[in-house]
Amino acid sequence: MKSKTLCIDFIVVDVASAYNALIGKTTLNRLGAVVSTAHFCMKFPTSEGIATIRGDQKLARKCYNETRAKEELRPHPGEKTEEVQIGQEVKKNTNIGANIRVELKQELIKLLRENSDLFAWKASDMPGIDPELMSHRLAVYSGSRPIQHRRRKLGTKRAQVVEEQVHALLEAEFIREVKYLAWLENVVLVKK
């Protein structure tokens, strides 16, 4: 049997889930694993050769449906909320309970306004965060060749959003520009 042993720290959470475990990119990288979600398959090298783990289409669909059903169980405010401006600028707002006693509401708003500098409204509000805290790196083998994808043009609005986001991340020094001779990948926008 082809296998590989790694020591991995897991966070154990007492919550109903459709999954036995969630394995992150760090573990997949340590395994040297290649994952194909389209084929429900993962391959990784072992001392006996390449190990292959295959998924089950029906089980995956069941897990997906169970997860979608559980999204409705996520916590939501138990009562009505109202938006309160806590910063100097118009867009610096947060929500608080609408049914809070008047004295408590005034104290809470005062506290939020006094500490509004603790809120990060955009990437440039968080400069100098140590990359050891959080850092994203592409796991690329040093000898691999970049693949040039066909360029897809974004619409005007999307291109403007990308430009603004990239500028904000550059300004906060969260990303840096790297120049390649060939086009590598298209930008994909994902709404929160």
N, C-alpha and C. Protein backbone atom coordinates (compact mmCIF):
# COMPACT_ATOMS: atom_id res chain seq x y z
N MET A 1 0.85 -1.19 0.00
CA MET A 1 0.00 0.00 0.00
C MET A 1 0.89 1.25 0.00
N LYS A 2 0.59 2.17 -0.87
CA LYS A 2 1.35 3.41 -0.96
C LYS A 2 0.82 4.40 0.07
N SER A 3 1.72 4.92 0.91
CA SER A 3 1.29 5.86 1.96
C SER A 3 2.42 6.81 2.29
N LYS A 4 2.06 7.85 3.02
CA LYS A 4 3.02 8.86 3.46
C LYS A 4 2.60 9.31 4.85
N THR A 5 3.54 9.50 5.76
CA THR A 5 3.22 9.90 7.13
C THR A 5 3.76 11.31 7.38
N LEU A 6 2.87 12.18 7.86
CA LEU A 6 3.24 13.55 8.23
C LEU A 6 2.69 13.85 9.61
N CYS A 7 3.39 14.67 10.38
CA CYS A 7 2.85 15.17 11.65
C CYS A 7 2.16 16.50 11.35
N ILE A 8 0.85 16.53 11.62
CA ILE A 8 0.05 17.71 11.29
C ILE A 8 -0.75 18.12 12.52
N ASP A 9 -0.79 19.41 12.81
CA ASP A 9 -1.63 19.92 13.89
C ASP A 9 -3.01 20.22 13.32
N PHE A 10 -4.04 19.68 13.95
CA PHE A 10 -5.42 19.95 13.56
C PHE A 10 -6.11 20.73 14.66
N ILE A 11 -7.02 21.57 14.27
CA ILE A 11 -7.90 22.24 15.23
C ILE A 11 -9.17 21.41 15.28
N VAL A 12 -9.52 20.93 16.47
CA VAL A 12 -10.71 20.10 16.62
C VAL A 12 -11.86 21.00 17.07
N VAL A 13 -12.95 20.95 16.32
CA VAL A 13 -14.11 21.79 16.59
C VAL A 13 -15.32 20.90 16.79
N ASP A 14 -16.06 21.14 17.87
CA ASP A 14 -17.26 20.36 18.15
C ASP A 14 -18.44 20.99 17.41
N VAL A 15 -18.59 20.62 16.16
CA VAL A 15 -19.66 21.16 15.33
C VAL A 15 -20.04 20.12 14.29
N ALA A 16 -21.32 20.04 13.98
CA ALA A 16 -21.77 19.10 12.95
C ALA A 16 -21.22 19.55 11.60
N SER A 17 -20.66 18.61 10.85
CA SER A 17 -20.09 18.95 9.55
C SER A 17 -20.23 17.77 8.61
N ALA A 18 -20.29 18.07 7.34
CA ALA A 18 -20.35 17.02 6.33
C ALA A 18 -18.97 16.45 6.04
N TYR A 19 -17.92 17.01 6.65
CA TYR A 19 -16.55 16.61 6.37
C TYR A 19 -15.89 16.02 7.61
N ASN A 20 -15.00 15.05 7.40
CA ASN A 20 -14.23 14.48 8.51
C ASN A 20 -13.08 15.39 8.89
N ALA A 21 -12.46 16.01 7.89
CA ALA A 21 -11.32 16.90 8.12
C ALA A 21 -11.19 17.87 6.95
N LEU A 22 -10.65 19.03 7.24
CA LEU A 22 -10.33 20.01 6.20
C LEU A 22 -8.82 20.15 6.18
N ILE A 23 -8.24 19.91 5.02
CA ILE A 23 -6.79 19.96 4.89
C ILE A 23 -6.43 21.20 4.10
N GLY A 24 -5.54 22.01 4.65
CA GLY A 24 -5.16 23.27 4.02
C GLY A 24 -4.03 23.13 3.02
N LYS A 25 -3.71 24.26 2.39
CA LYS A 25 -2.67 24.28 1.36
C LYS A 25 -1.31 23.90 1.92
N THR A 26 -1.03 24.27 3.17
CA THR A 26 0.27 23.96 3.76
C THR A 26 0.48 22.45 3.81
N THR A 27 -0.55 21.71 4.24
CA THR A 27 -0.44 20.25 4.31
C THR A 27 -0.35 19.65 2.91
N LEU A 28 -1.16 20.16 1.99
CA LEU A 28 -1.10 19.66 0.60
C LEU A 28 0.28 19.89 0.01
N ASN A 29 0.87 21.05 0.31
CA ASN A 29 2.23 21.35 -0.19
C ASN A 29 3.26 20.41 0.44
N ARG A 30 3.12 20.15 1.73
CA ARG A 30 4.05 19.24 2.40
C ARG A 30 3.93 17.82 1.83
N LEU A 31 2.72 17.44 1.45
CA LEU A 31 2.52 16.14 0.82
C LEU A 31 3.08 16.11 -0.60
N GLY A 32 3.20 17.29 -1.21
CA GLY A 32 3.56 17.36 -2.62
C GLY A 32 2.37 16.94 -3.48
N ALA A 33 1.16 17.20 -2.96
CA ALA A 33 -0.06 16.71 -3.59
C ALA A 33 -0.51 17.59 -4.75
N VAL A 34 -1.11 16.92 -5.72
CA VAL A 34 -1.77 17.60 -6.83
C VAL A 34 -3.24 17.21 -6.73
N VAL A 35 -4.11 18.22 -6.66
CA VAL A 35 -5.53 17.98 -6.46
C VAL A 35 -6.29 18.41 -7.70
N SER A 36 -7.20 17.57 -8.14
CA SER A 36 -8.10 17.92 -9.23
C SER A 36 -9.52 17.81 -8.70
N THR A 37 -10.14 18.96 -8.44
CA THR A 37 -11.52 18.95 -7.95
C THR A 37 -12.48 18.47 -9.04
N ALA A 38 -12.15 18.73 -10.29
CA ALA A 38 -13.01 18.29 -11.40
C ALA A 38 -13.06 16.76 -11.49
N HIS A 39 -11.96 16.09 -11.11
CA HIS A 39 -11.90 14.63 -11.20
C HIS A 39 -12.05 13.95 -9.84
N PHE A 40 -12.28 14.72 -8.78
CA PHE A 40 -12.37 14.19 -7.42
C PHE A 40 -11.19 13.26 -7.15
N CYS A 41 -9.99 13.79 -7.36
CA CYS A 41 -8.80 12.97 -7.29
C CYS A 41 -7.64 13.78 -6.70
N MET A 42 -6.81 13.11 -5.90
CA MET A 42 -5.60 13.72 -5.37
C MET A 42 -4.47 12.71 -5.54
N LYS A 43 -3.32 13.19 -6.03
CA LYS A 43 -2.15 12.34 -6.19
C LYS A 43 -0.98 12.96 -5.44
N PHE A 44 -0.15 12.10 -4.83
CA PHE A 44 1.03 12.59 -4.14
C PHE A 44 2.11 11.52 -4.16
N PRO A 45 3.38 11.95 -4.17
CA PRO A 45 4.48 10.98 -4.24
C PRO A 45 4.73 10.29 -2.89
N THR A 46 5.05 9.02 -2.95
CA THR A 46 5.45 8.25 -1.77
C THR A 46 6.74 7.51 -2.12
N SER A 47 7.34 6.84 -1.16
CA SER A 47 8.56 6.08 -1.43
C SER A 47 8.27 4.87 -2.32
N GLU A 48 7.01 4.42 -2.36
CA GLU A 48 6.62 3.27 -3.19
C GLU A 48 6.09 3.69 -4.56
N GLY A 49 6.02 4.98 -4.82
CA GLY A 49 5.46 5.47 -6.09
C GLY A 49 4.38 6.50 -5.85
N ILE A 50 3.58 6.81 -6.86
CA ILE A 50 2.53 7.82 -6.75
C ILE A 50 1.27 7.20 -6.15
N ALA A 51 0.79 7.80 -5.05
CA ALA A 51 -0.46 7.35 -4.43
C ALA A 51 -1.61 8.17 -5.01
N THR A 52 -2.74 7.52 -5.22
CA THR A 52 -3.93 8.18 -5.77
C THR A 52 -5.09 7.98 -4.82
N ILE A 53 -5.76 9.08 -4.49
CA ILE A 53 -6.97 9.02 -3.67
C ILE A 53 -8.11 9.57 -4.52
N ARG A 54 -9.15 8.77 -4.67
CA ARG A 54 -10.29 9.19 -5.49
C ARG A 54 -11.49 9.47 -4.60
N GLY A 55 -12.25 10.49 -4.99
CA GLY A 55 -13.45 10.85 -4.27
C GLY A 55 -14.67 10.19 -4.86
N ASP A 56 -15.81 10.38 -4.22
CA ASP A 56 -17.07 9.80 -4.65
C ASP A 56 -18.02 10.93 -5.05
N GLN A 57 -18.44 10.94 -6.32
CA GLN A 57 -19.29 12.02 -6.85
C GLN A 57 -20.59 12.15 -6.04
N LYS A 58 -21.25 11.03 -5.74
CA LYS A 58 -22.53 11.08 -5.01
C LYS A 58 -22.33 11.61 -3.59
N LEU A 59 -21.27 11.14 -2.93
CA LEU A 59 -20.98 11.60 -1.57
C LEU A 59 -20.62 13.08 -1.57
N ALA A 60 -19.86 13.53 -2.57
CA ALA A 60 -19.49 14.94 -2.67
C ALA A 60 -20.74 15.81 -2.84
N ARG A 61 -21.68 15.38 -3.68
CA ARG A 61 -22.92 16.12 -3.89
C ARG A 61 -23.72 16.19 -2.59
N LYS A 62 -23.76 15.07 -1.85
CA LYS A 62 -24.48 15.04 -0.57
C LYS A 62 -23.85 16.02 0.43
N CYS A 63 -22.51 16.01 0.51
CA CYS A 63 -21.80 16.94 1.41
C CYS A 63 -22.07 18.39 1.03
N TYR A 64 -22.03 18.65 -0.28
CA TYR A 64 -22.29 20.01 -0.76
C TYR A 64 -23.69 20.46 -0.36
N ASN A 65 -24.69 19.60 -0.58
CA ASN A 65 -26.07 19.95 -0.23
C ASN A 65 -26.25 20.15 1.26
N GLU A 66 -25.59 19.31 2.07
CA GLU A 66 -25.67 19.46 3.53
C GLU A 66 -25.05 20.78 3.98
N THR A 67 -23.92 21.13 3.36
CA THR A 67 -23.25 22.39 3.70
C THR A 67 -24.13 23.57 3.35
N ARG A 68 -24.76 23.55 2.17
CA ARG A 68 -25.66 24.64 1.76
C ARG A 68 -26.82 24.78 2.72
N ALA A 69 -27.35 23.65 3.19
CA ALA A 69 -28.48 23.68 4.13
C ALA A 69 -28.06 24.28 5.46
N LYS A 70 -26.82 24.03 5.87
CA LYS A 70 -26.34 24.53 7.16
C LYS A 70 -26.01 26.02 7.13
N GLU A 71 -25.83 26.59 5.93
CA GLU A 71 -25.56 28.03 5.84
C GLU A 71 -26.69 28.84 6.46
N GLU A 72 -27.91 28.30 6.37
CA GLU A 72 -29.06 29.00 6.95
C GLU A 72 -28.99 29.02 8.47
N LEU A 73 -28.20 28.11 9.06
CA LEU A 73 -28.09 28.02 10.51
C LEU A 73 -27.04 28.96 11.09
N ARG A 74 -26.36 29.70 10.21
CA ARG A 74 -25.35 30.63 10.71
C ARG A 74 -26.01 31.69 11.58
N PRO A 75 -25.29 32.19 12.58
CA PRO A 75 -25.90 33.19 13.47
C PRO A 75 -26.20 34.49 12.74
N HIS A 76 -27.35 35.04 13.06
CA HIS A 76 -27.78 36.32 12.55
C HIS A 76 -28.19 37.17 13.74
N PRO A 77 -28.16 38.49 13.60
CA PRO A 77 -28.61 39.33 14.73
C PRO A 77 -30.01 38.93 15.16
N GLY A 78 -30.20 38.81 16.48
CA GLY A 78 -31.49 38.39 17.00
C GLY A 78 -32.55 39.49 16.95
N GLU A 79 -32.15 40.68 16.66
CA GLU A 79 -33.09 41.80 16.62
C GLU A 79 -32.68 42.75 15.51
N LYS A 80 -33.44 43.80 15.37
CA LYS A 80 -33.13 44.80 14.35
C LYS A 80 -31.84 45.53 14.73
N THR A 81 -31.12 45.95 13.71
CA THR A 81 -29.90 46.72 13.94
C THR A 81 -30.04 48.08 13.28
N GLU A 82 -29.22 48.99 13.72
CA GLU A 82 -29.18 50.31 13.07
C GLU A 82 -27.74 50.68 12.77
N GLU A 83 -27.56 51.37 11.67
CA GLU A 83 -26.23 51.76 11.23
C GLU A 83 -25.82 53.05 11.94
N VAL A 84 -24.57 53.05 12.42
CA VAL A 84 -24.05 54.21 13.15
C VAL A 84 -22.73 54.62 12.53
N GLN A 85 -22.57 55.91 12.26
CA GLN A 85 -21.30 56.41 11.73
C GLN A 85 -20.35 56.59 12.90
N ILE A 86 -19.18 55.92 12.81
CA ILE A 86 -18.24 56.02 13.92
C ILE A 86 -16.95 56.72 13.54
N GLY A 87 -16.72 56.91 12.25
CA GLY A 87 -15.52 57.60 11.79
C GLY A 87 -15.86 58.97 11.24
N GLN A 88 -14.84 59.74 10.89
CA GLN A 88 -15.04 61.08 10.35
C GLN A 88 -15.67 61.04 8.97
N GLU A 89 -15.31 60.01 8.18
CA GLU A 89 -15.81 59.90 6.82
C GLU A 89 -17.17 59.20 6.80
N VAL A 90 -17.94 59.48 5.77
CA VAL A 90 -19.30 58.96 5.66
C VAL A 90 -19.34 57.43 5.61
N LYS A 91 -18.39 56.79 4.96
CA LYS A 91 -18.43 55.34 4.79
C LYS A 91 -17.95 54.55 6.01
N LYS A 92 -17.55 55.21 7.06
CA LYS A 92 -17.04 54.51 8.24
C LYS A 92 -18.19 54.26 9.22
N ASN A 93 -18.95 53.22 8.91
CA ASN A 93 -20.14 52.88 9.69
C ASN A 93 -20.04 51.46 10.22
N THR A 94 -20.80 51.19 11.28
CA THR A 94 -20.98 49.83 11.78
C THR A 94 -22.42 49.71 12.26
N ASN A 95 -22.84 48.51 12.59
CA ASN A 95 -24.21 48.27 13.04
C ASN A 95 -24.22 47.90 14.51
N ILE A 96 -25.22 48.41 15.21
CA ILE A 96 -25.43 48.05 16.62
C ILE A 96 -26.91 47.70 16.78
N GLY A 97 -27.25 47.06 17.87
CA GLY A 97 -28.63 46.67 18.13
C GLY A 97 -29.54 47.90 18.23
N ALA A 98 -30.69 47.82 17.57
CA ALA A 98 -31.62 48.95 17.57
C ALA A 98 -32.41 49.05 18.87
N ASN A 99 -32.52 47.95 19.61
CA ASN A 99 -33.34 47.93 20.82
C ASN A 99 -32.54 48.08 22.11
N ILE A 100 -31.31 48.55 22.00
CA ILE A 100 -30.49 48.76 23.20
C ILE A 100 -31.02 49.97 23.96
N ARG A 101 -30.92 49.90 25.29
CA ARG A 101 -31.34 51.05 26.11
C ARG A 101 -30.60 52.30 25.66
N VAL A 102 -31.24 53.44 25.71
CA VAL A 102 -30.70 54.70 25.20
C VAL A 102 -29.35 55.03 25.83
N GLU A 103 -29.24 54.88 27.17
CA GLU A 103 -27.97 55.21 27.84
C GLU A 103 -26.85 54.29 27.36
N LEU A 104 -27.15 53.00 27.26
CA LEU A 104 -26.15 52.03 26.82
C LEU A 104 -25.76 52.29 25.36
N LYS A 105 -26.73 52.63 24.53
CA LYS A 105 -26.47 52.92 23.12
C LYS A 105 -25.53 54.11 22.98
N GLN A 106 -25.77 55.17 23.78
CA GLN A 106 -24.91 56.35 23.73
C GLN A 106 -23.49 56.02 24.18
N GLU A 107 -23.36 55.21 25.23
CA GLU A 107 -22.04 54.80 25.71
C GLU A 107 -21.31 53.96 24.66
N LEU A 108 -22.05 53.05 24.02
CA LEU A 108 -21.46 52.18 23.00
C LEU A 108 -20.99 53.00 21.80
N ILE A 109 -21.80 53.93 21.34
CA ILE A 109 -21.43 54.78 20.21
C ILE A 109 -20.20 55.62 20.57
N LYS A 110 -20.18 56.15 21.78
CA LYS A 110 -19.03 56.94 22.23
C LYS A 110 -17.77 56.08 22.23
N LEU A 111 -17.87 54.86 22.76
CA LEU A 111 -16.72 53.95 22.82
C LEU A 111 -16.23 53.61 21.40
N LEU A 112 -17.15 53.32 20.50
CA LEU A 112 -16.78 53.00 19.12
C LEU A 112 -16.11 54.19 18.43
N ARG A 113 -16.63 55.38 18.64
CA ARG A 113 -16.04 56.57 18.02
C ARG A 113 -14.65 56.87 18.58
N GLU A 114 -14.47 56.69 19.89
CA GLU A 114 -13.17 56.93 20.51
C GLU A 114 -12.11 55.94 20.00
N ASN A 115 -12.57 54.76 19.61
CA ASN A 115 -11.66 53.71 19.16
C ASN A 115 -11.80 53.41 17.68
N SER A 116 -12.31 54.35 16.92
CA SER A 116 -12.53 54.11 15.49
C SER A 116 -11.22 53.87 14.74
N ASP A 117 -10.10 54.32 15.32
CA ASP A 117 -8.80 54.08 14.67
C ASP A 117 -8.39 52.61 14.73
N LEU A 118 -9.08 51.78 15.51
CA LEU A 118 -8.78 50.36 15.59
C LEU A 118 -9.41 49.58 14.44
N PHE A 119 -10.38 50.19 13.75
CA PHE A 119 -11.04 49.53 12.64
C PHE A 119 -10.21 49.69 11.37
N ALA A 120 -10.12 48.62 10.60
CA ALA A 120 -9.41 48.68 9.31
C ALA A 120 -10.47 48.79 8.22
N TRP A 121 -10.58 49.96 7.62
CA TRP A 121 -11.59 50.20 6.60
C TRP A 121 -11.09 49.84 5.22
N LYS A 122 -9.79 49.84 5.05
CA LYS A 122 -9.18 49.47 3.77
C LYS A 122 -7.78 48.93 4.04
N ALA A 123 -7.19 48.32 3.02
CA ALA A 123 -5.88 47.67 3.20
C ALA A 123 -4.82 48.64 3.70
N SER A 124 -4.85 49.90 3.24
CA SER A 124 -3.82 50.86 3.65
C SER A 124 -3.94 51.26 5.12
N ASP A 125 -5.04 50.87 5.78
CA ASP A 125 -5.18 51.12 7.22
C ASP A 125 -4.38 50.12 8.05
N MET A 126 -3.78 49.12 7.38
CA MET A 126 -3.07 48.06 8.10
C MET A 126 -1.63 47.90 7.61
N PRO A 127 -0.88 48.98 7.43
CA PRO A 127 0.49 48.81 6.91
C PRO A 127 1.38 48.16 7.95
N GLY A 128 2.41 47.51 7.46
CA GLY A 128 3.43 46.97 8.35
C GLY A 128 3.06 45.70 9.07
N ILE A 129 2.02 44.99 8.64
CA ILE A 129 1.70 43.72 9.27
C ILE A 129 2.78 42.72 8.90
N ASP A 130 3.32 42.05 9.89
CA ASP A 130 4.41 41.10 9.69
C ASP A 130 3.94 39.94 8.80
N PRO A 131 4.64 39.65 7.69
CA PRO A 131 4.25 38.55 6.82
C PRO A 131 4.24 37.19 7.52
N GLU A 132 4.92 37.09 8.67
CA GLU A 132 4.87 35.83 9.43
C GLU A 132 3.48 35.58 9.99
N LEU A 133 2.71 36.64 10.20
CA LEU A 133 1.34 36.50 10.70
C LEU A 133 0.47 35.86 9.64
N MET A 134 0.54 36.37 8.42
CA MET A 134 -0.26 35.82 7.32
C MET A 134 0.44 36.15 6.03
N SER A 135 0.65 35.14 5.22
CA SER A 135 1.31 35.36 3.95
C SER A 135 0.83 34.32 2.95
N HIS A 136 0.56 34.76 1.73
CA HIS A 136 0.13 33.85 0.67
C HIS A 136 1.26 33.69 -0.32
N ARG A 137 1.63 32.47 -0.58
CA ARG A 137 2.67 32.19 -1.56
C ARG A 137 2.16 31.11 -2.49
N LEU A 138 2.55 31.22 -3.75
CA LEU A 138 2.19 30.18 -4.70
C LEU A 138 3.19 29.04 -4.57
N ALA A 139 2.68 27.82 -4.46
CA ALA A 139 3.55 26.66 -4.35
C ALA A 139 3.92 26.22 -5.77
N VAL A 140 5.03 26.71 -6.25
CA VAL A 140 5.47 26.42 -7.62
C VAL A 140 6.85 25.79 -7.54
N TYR A 141 7.03 24.67 -8.22
CA TYR A 141 8.34 24.05 -8.26
C TYR A 141 9.31 24.96 -9.00
N SER A 142 10.53 25.04 -8.52
CA SER A 142 11.51 25.98 -9.07
C SER A 142 11.80 25.73 -10.55
N GLY A 143 11.71 24.50 -11.01
CA GLY A 143 12.02 24.21 -12.41
C GLY A 143 10.83 24.30 -13.35
N SER A 144 9.66 24.61 -12.82
CA SER A 144 8.46 24.62 -13.68
C SER A 144 8.41 25.87 -14.55
N ARG A 145 7.80 25.71 -15.72
CA ARG A 145 7.68 26.78 -16.70
C ARG A 145 6.34 27.49 -16.52
N PRO A 146 6.29 28.83 -16.57
CA PRO A 146 5.01 29.53 -16.49
C PRO A 146 4.15 29.19 -17.70
N ILE A 147 2.86 29.09 -17.48
CA ILE A 147 1.92 28.82 -18.56
C ILE A 147 1.23 30.12 -18.93
N GLN A 148 1.21 30.40 -20.21
CA GLN A 148 0.57 31.63 -20.68
C GLN A 148 -0.89 31.34 -21.01
N HIS A 149 -1.80 31.98 -20.28
CA HIS A 149 -3.23 31.82 -20.53
C HIS A 149 -3.68 32.88 -21.54
N ARG A 150 -4.76 32.57 -22.25
CA ARG A 150 -5.32 33.53 -23.18
C ARG A 150 -5.90 34.69 -22.36
N ARG A 151 -5.58 35.91 -22.73
CA ARG A 151 -6.02 37.07 -21.97
C ARG A 151 -7.51 37.31 -22.17
N ARG A 152 -8.19 37.54 -21.04
CA ARG A 152 -9.62 37.86 -21.07
C ARG A 152 -9.77 39.29 -20.59
N LYS A 153 -10.46 40.09 -21.37
CA LYS A 153 -10.64 41.50 -20.99
C LYS A 153 -11.77 41.62 -19.97
N LEU A 154 -11.56 42.49 -19.00
CA LEU A 154 -12.59 42.80 -18.01
C LEU A 154 -13.42 43.96 -18.52
N GLY A 155 -14.66 44.06 -18.06
CA GLY A 155 -15.47 45.22 -18.38
C GLY A 155 -14.90 46.46 -17.70
N THR A 156 -15.37 47.62 -18.08
CA THR A 156 -14.84 48.88 -17.54
C THR A 156 -14.96 48.95 -16.03
N LYS A 157 -16.14 48.60 -15.49
CA LYS A 157 -16.35 48.66 -14.04
C LYS A 157 -15.42 47.70 -13.31
N ARG A 158 -15.34 46.49 -13.82
CA ARG A 158 -14.48 45.48 -13.16
C ARG A 158 -13.01 45.87 -13.23
N ALA A 159 -12.59 46.38 -14.37
CA ALA A 159 -11.19 46.81 -14.52
C ALA A 159 -10.87 47.92 -13.53
N GLN A 160 -11.83 48.82 -13.31
CA GLN A 160 -11.63 49.92 -12.36
C GLN A 160 -11.52 49.37 -10.93
N VAL A 161 -12.36 48.39 -10.58
CA VAL A 161 -12.30 47.77 -9.25
C VAL A 161 -10.95 47.09 -9.04
N VAL A 162 -10.49 46.36 -10.05
CA VAL A 162 -9.19 45.69 -9.96
C VAL A 162 -8.09 46.71 -9.75
N GLU A 163 -8.12 47.79 -10.53
CA GLU A 163 -7.11 48.85 -10.42
C GLU A 163 -7.09 49.44 -9.01
N GLU A 164 -8.27 49.73 -8.46
CA GLU A 164 -8.36 50.30 -7.11
C GLU A 164 -7.83 49.34 -6.06
N GLN A 165 -8.22 48.05 -6.16
CA GLN A 165 -7.79 47.06 -5.17
C GLN A 165 -6.29 46.82 -5.23
N VAL A 166 -5.75 46.72 -6.43
CA VAL A 166 -4.30 46.51 -6.58
C VAL A 166 -3.54 47.72 -6.03
N HIS A 167 -4.02 48.93 -6.34
CA HIS A 167 -3.37 50.14 -5.83
C HIS A 167 -3.38 50.16 -4.30
N ALA A 168 -4.53 49.81 -3.71
CA ALA A 168 -4.63 49.81 -2.24
C ALA A 168 -3.69 48.77 -1.62
N LEU A 169 -3.58 47.60 -2.23
CA LEU A 169 -2.70 46.56 -1.70
C LEU A 169 -1.23 46.92 -1.88
N LEU A 170 -0.90 47.56 -3.00
CA LEU A 170 0.48 48.04 -3.20
C LEU A 170 0.83 49.11 -2.18
N GLU A 171 -0.10 50.04 -1.97
CA GLU A 171 0.11 51.14 -1.02
C GLU A 171 0.34 50.61 0.39
N ALA A 172 -0.40 49.55 0.77
CA ALA A 172 -0.25 48.96 2.10
C ALA A 172 0.94 48.00 2.18
N GLU A 173 1.62 47.81 1.05
CA GLU A 173 2.76 46.90 0.94
C GLU A 173 2.37 45.45 1.26
N PHE A 174 1.12 45.09 0.91
CA PHE A 174 0.66 43.71 1.07
C PHE A 174 1.08 42.87 -0.13
N ILE A 175 1.29 43.53 -1.26
CA ILE A 175 1.75 42.85 -2.47
C ILE A 175 2.90 43.66 -3.06
N ARG A 176 3.63 43.04 -3.97
CA ARG A 176 4.67 43.76 -4.69
C ARG A 176 4.60 43.36 -6.15
N GLU A 177 5.06 44.24 -7.00
CA GLU A 177 5.02 43.98 -8.43
C GLU A 177 6.16 43.06 -8.83
N VAL A 178 5.82 42.07 -9.65
CA VAL A 178 6.80 41.15 -10.20
C VAL A 178 6.61 41.17 -11.71
N LYS A 179 7.69 41.35 -12.45
CA LYS A 179 7.58 41.44 -13.91
C LYS A 179 7.96 40.11 -14.54
N TYR A 180 7.08 39.64 -15.43
CA TYR A 180 7.31 38.44 -16.21
C TYR A 180 7.27 38.81 -17.68
N LEU A 181 7.95 38.03 -18.49
CA LEU A 181 7.96 38.29 -19.93
C LEU A 181 6.68 37.81 -20.59
N ALA A 182 5.99 36.87 -19.97
CA ALA A 182 4.76 36.34 -20.57
C ALA A 182 3.59 36.55 -19.61
N TRP A 183 2.41 36.65 -20.18
CA TRP A 183 1.19 36.75 -19.38
C TRP A 183 0.97 35.43 -18.65
N LEU A 184 0.69 35.48 -17.35
CA LEU A 184 0.56 34.24 -16.59
C LEU A 184 -0.88 33.86 -16.28
N GLU A 185 -1.65 34.79 -15.75
CA GLU A 185 -3.00 34.45 -15.29
C GLU A 185 -3.91 35.66 -15.34
N ASN A 186 -5.17 35.41 -15.60
CA ASN A 186 -6.17 36.48 -15.60
C ASN A 186 -6.63 36.77 -14.18
N VAL A 187 -7.08 37.98 -13.96
CA VAL A 187 -7.63 38.37 -12.67
C VAL A 187 -9.06 37.84 -12.57
N VAL A 188 -9.40 37.28 -11.42
CA VAL A 188 -10.75 36.78 -11.19
C VAL A 188 -11.32 37.54 -10.00
N LEU A 189 -12.45 38.20 -10.20
CA LEU A 189 -13.11 38.94 -9.12
C LEU A 189 -14.11 38.02 -8.42
N VAL A 190 -14.05 37.99 -7.10
CA VAL A 190 -14.97 37.18 -6.31
C VAL A 190 -15.63 38.09 -5.29
N LYS A 191 -16.97 38.21 -5.35
CA LYS A 191 -17.67 39.08 -4.40
C LYS A 191 -17.67 38.43 -3.02
N LYS A 192 -17.57 39.28 -1.99
CA LYS A 192 -17.64 38.78 -0.62
C LYS A 192 -19.07 38.54 -0.25
